[in-house]
Amino acid sequence: MIQVNEYFDGTVKSLGYESPEGKSTIGVMEKGEYEFNTSQKEYMTVIEGELVVLLPEATAWKSFKKNETFSVDAHLSFKVKANEQSSYLCKYA
């Protein structure tokens, strides 16, 4: 079954699903700055656009563009800036 997720007053939306590879979401972010919390390890791959990310314990923001992936361990938070509408794939481990 596909799960619909909506965050930050609808500026971030995703569809959650499970495949033989595990649980994933595919989503879109409007231009803006967001803070996310993880409940399990996440691997985020940019599909279109660009996400500028402040990873846990990092002091500098890092840019991720199409086909680039970053990961965040469980029970942490991270910040994301989308300077344009951007899409992503998030896989959970």
C-alpha atoms as a PDB file:
ATOM      1  CA  MET A   1       0.000   0.000   0.000  1.00  0.00           C
ATOM      2  CA  ILE A   2       1.184   3.524  -0.815  1.00  0.00           C
ATOM      3  CA  GLN A   3       1.304   5.965   2.112  1.00  0.00           C
ATOM      4  CA  VAL A   4       0.876   9.711   1.514  1.00  0.00           C
ATOM      5  CA  ASN A   5       2.973  11.997   3.767  1.00  0.00           C
ATOM      6  CA  GLU A   6       2.748  15.775   4.091  1.00  0.00           C
ATOM      7  CA  TYR A   7       5.030  18.003   6.184  1.00  0.00           C
ATOM      8  CA  PHE A   8       5.620  21.711   6.843  1.00  0.00           C
ATOM      9  CA  ASP A   9       2.130  22.880   5.813  1.00  0.00           C
ATOM     10  CA  GLY A  10       2.297  20.928   2.560  1.00  0.00           C
ATOM     11  CA  THR A  11       5.631  22.276   1.295  1.00  0.00           C
ATOM     12  CA  VAL A  12       7.172  18.786   1.559  1.00  0.00           C
ATOM     13  CA  LYS A  13       5.179  15.805   0.282  1.00  0.00           C
ATOM     14  CA  SER A  14       6.154  12.197  -0.227  1.00  0.00           C
ATOM     15  CA  LEU A  15       4.774   8.799  -1.122  1.00  0.00           C
ATOM     16  CA  GLY A  16       5.925   5.881   1.017  1.00  0.00           C
ATOM     17  CA  TYR A  17       6.126   2.311  -0.218  1.00  0.00           C
ATOM     18  CA  GLU A  18       7.779  -1.036   0.474  1.00  0.00           C
ATOM     19  CA  SER A  19       9.636  -3.099  -2.095  1.00  0.00           C
ATOM     20  CA  PRO A  20      11.781  -6.233  -1.836  1.00  0.00           C
ATOM     21  CA  GLU A  21      14.681  -3.826  -1.100  1.00  0.00           C
ATOM     22  CA  GLY A  22      12.875  -2.331   1.925  1.00  0.00           C
ATOM     23  CA  LYS A  23      10.945   0.800   2.880  1.00  0.00           C
ATOM     24  CA  SER A  24      11.368   3.979   0.811  1.00  0.00           C
ATOM     25  CA  THR A  25       9.746   7.338   0.152  1.00  0.00           C
ATOM     26  CA  ILE A  26       9.888   9.493  -2.931  1.00  0.00           C
ATOM     27  CA  GLY A  27       9.106  13.154  -2.433  1.00  0.00           C
ATOM     28  CA  VAL A  28       9.202  16.773  -3.475  1.00  0.00           C
ATOM     29  CA  MET A  29      10.262  19.852  -1.508  1.00  0.00           C
ATOM     30  CA  GLU A  30       9.250  23.389  -2.309  1.00  0.00           C
ATOM     31  CA  LYS A  31      11.857  26.134  -1.961  1.00  0.00           C
ATOM     32  CA  GLY A  32      12.531  26.586   1.760  1.00  0.00           C
ATOM     33  CA  GLU A  33      14.503  25.458   4.801  1.00  0.00           C
ATOM     34  CA  TYR A  34      13.496  22.376   6.792  1.00  0.00           C
ATOM     35  CA  GLU A  35      14.636  20.300   9.767  1.00  0.00           C
ATOM     36  CA  PHE A  36      13.984  16.562   9.797  1.00  0.00           C
ATOM     37  CA  ASN A  37      14.335  13.948  12.548  1.00  0.00           C
ATOM     38  CA  THR A  38      15.223  10.336  11.784  1.00  0.00           C
ATOM     39  CA  SER A  39      13.757   7.268  13.442  1.00  0.00           C
ATOM     40  CA  GLN A  40      16.039   4.920  11.502  1.00  0.00           C
ATOM     41  CA  LYS A  41      19.038   5.317   9.217  1.00  0.00           C
ATOM     42  CA  GLU A  42      18.158   7.197   6.023  1.00  0.00           C
ATOM     43  CA  TYR A  43      19.869   7.377   2.642  1.00  0.00           C
ATOM     44  CA  MET A  44      18.637  10.364   0.622  1.00  0.00           C
ATOM     45  CA  THR A  45      19.337  10.655  -3.102  1.00  0.00           C
ATOM     46  CA  VAL A  46      18.534  13.830  -5.014  1.00  0.00           C
ATOM     47  CA  ILE A  47      16.495  13.081  -8.142  1.00  0.00           C
ATOM     48  CA  GLU A  48      16.095  16.622  -9.481  1.00  0.00           C
ATOM     49  CA  GLY A  49      17.194  20.013  -8.229  1.00  0.00           C
ATOM     50  CA  GLU A  50      19.592  20.500  -5.350  1.00  0.00           C
ATOM     51  CA  LEU A  51      19.483  20.031  -1.593  1.00  0.00           C
ATOM     52  CA  VAL A  52      21.900  21.923   0.636  1.00  0.00           C
ATOM     53  CA  VAL A  53      22.279  19.926   3.842  1.00  0.00           C
ATOM     54  CA  LEU A  54      23.643  20.540   7.331  1.00  0.00           C
ATOM     55  CA  LEU A  55      24.363  17.033   8.568  1.00  0.00           C
ATOM     56  CA  PRO A  56      24.444  16.172  12.294  1.00  0.00           C
ATOM     57  CA  GLU A  57      27.628  17.392  13.978  1.00  0.00           C
ATOM     58  CA  ALA A  58      28.692  19.230  10.788  1.00  0.00           C
ATOM     59  CA  THR A  59      29.548  22.920  10.909  1.00  0.00           C
ATOM     60  CA  ALA A  60      29.304  23.573   7.165  1.00  0.00           C
ATOM     61  CA  TRP A  61      26.416  23.104   4.745  1.00  0.00           C
ATOM     62  CA  LYS A  62      27.047  20.722   1.832  1.00  0.00           C
ATOM     63  CA  SER A  63      25.335  20.717  -1.561  1.00  0.00           C
ATOM     64  CA  PHE A  64      23.893  17.534  -3.092  1.00  0.00           C
ATOM     65  CA  LYS A  65      22.737  17.523  -6.714  1.00  0.00           C
ATOM     66  CA  LYS A  66      21.128  15.019  -9.082  1.00  0.00           C
ATOM     67  CA  ASN A  67      22.125  11.403  -8.324  1.00  0.00           C
ATOM     68  CA  GLU A  68      24.127  12.343  -5.206  1.00  0.00           C
ATOM     69  CA  THR A  69      23.336  10.629  -1.902  1.00  0.00           C
ATOM     70  CA  PHE A  70      23.863  11.445   1.766  1.00  0.00           C
ATOM     71  CA  SER A  71      23.009   9.413   4.844  1.00  0.00           C
ATOM     72  CA  VAL A  72      21.890  10.219   8.371  1.00  0.00           C
ATOM     73  CA  ASP A  73      21.945   7.744  11.253  1.00  0.00           C
ATOM     74  CA  ALA A  74      18.867   6.954  13.341  1.00  0.00           C
ATOM     75  CA  HIS A  75      17.628   9.276  16.114  1.00  0.00           C
ATOM     76  CA  LEU A  76      19.349  12.391  14.780  1.00  0.00           C
ATOM     77  CA  SER A  77      18.178  15.592  13.116  1.00  0.00           C
ATOM     78  CA  PHE A  78      19.471  17.371  10.025  1.00  0.00           C
ATOM     79  CA  LYS A  79      18.637  20.576   8.166  1.00  0.00           C
ATOM     80  CA  VAL A  80      17.881  20.924   4.476  1.00  0.00           C
ATOM     81  CA  LYS A  81      17.656  24.012   2.246  1.00  0.00           C
ATOM     82  CA  ALA A  82      15.951  23.702  -1.115  1.00  0.00           C
ATOM     83  CA  ASN A  83      16.733  26.731  -3.244  1.00  0.00           C
ATOM     84  CA  GLU A  84      14.318  25.477  -5.893  1.00  0.00           C
ATOM     85  CA  GLN A  85      11.629  22.816  -6.073  1.00  0.00           C
ATOM     86  CA  SER A  86      13.569  19.529  -5.716  1.00  0.00           C
ATOM     87  CA  SER A  87      12.763  15.822  -5.602  1.00  0.00           C
ATOM     88  CA  TYR A  88      14.382  12.991  -3.649  1.00  0.00           C
ATOM     89  CA  LEU A  89      14.347   9.281  -2.929  1.00  0.00           C
ATOM     90  CA  CYS A  90      14.778   8.263   0.709  1.00  0.00           C
ATOM     91  CA  LYS A  91      15.634   4.654   1.577  1.00  0.00           C
ATOM     92  CA  TYR A  92      15.432   3.434   5.174  1.00  0.00           C
ATOM     93  CA  ALA A  93      17.802   0.919   6.740  1.00  0.00           C
END
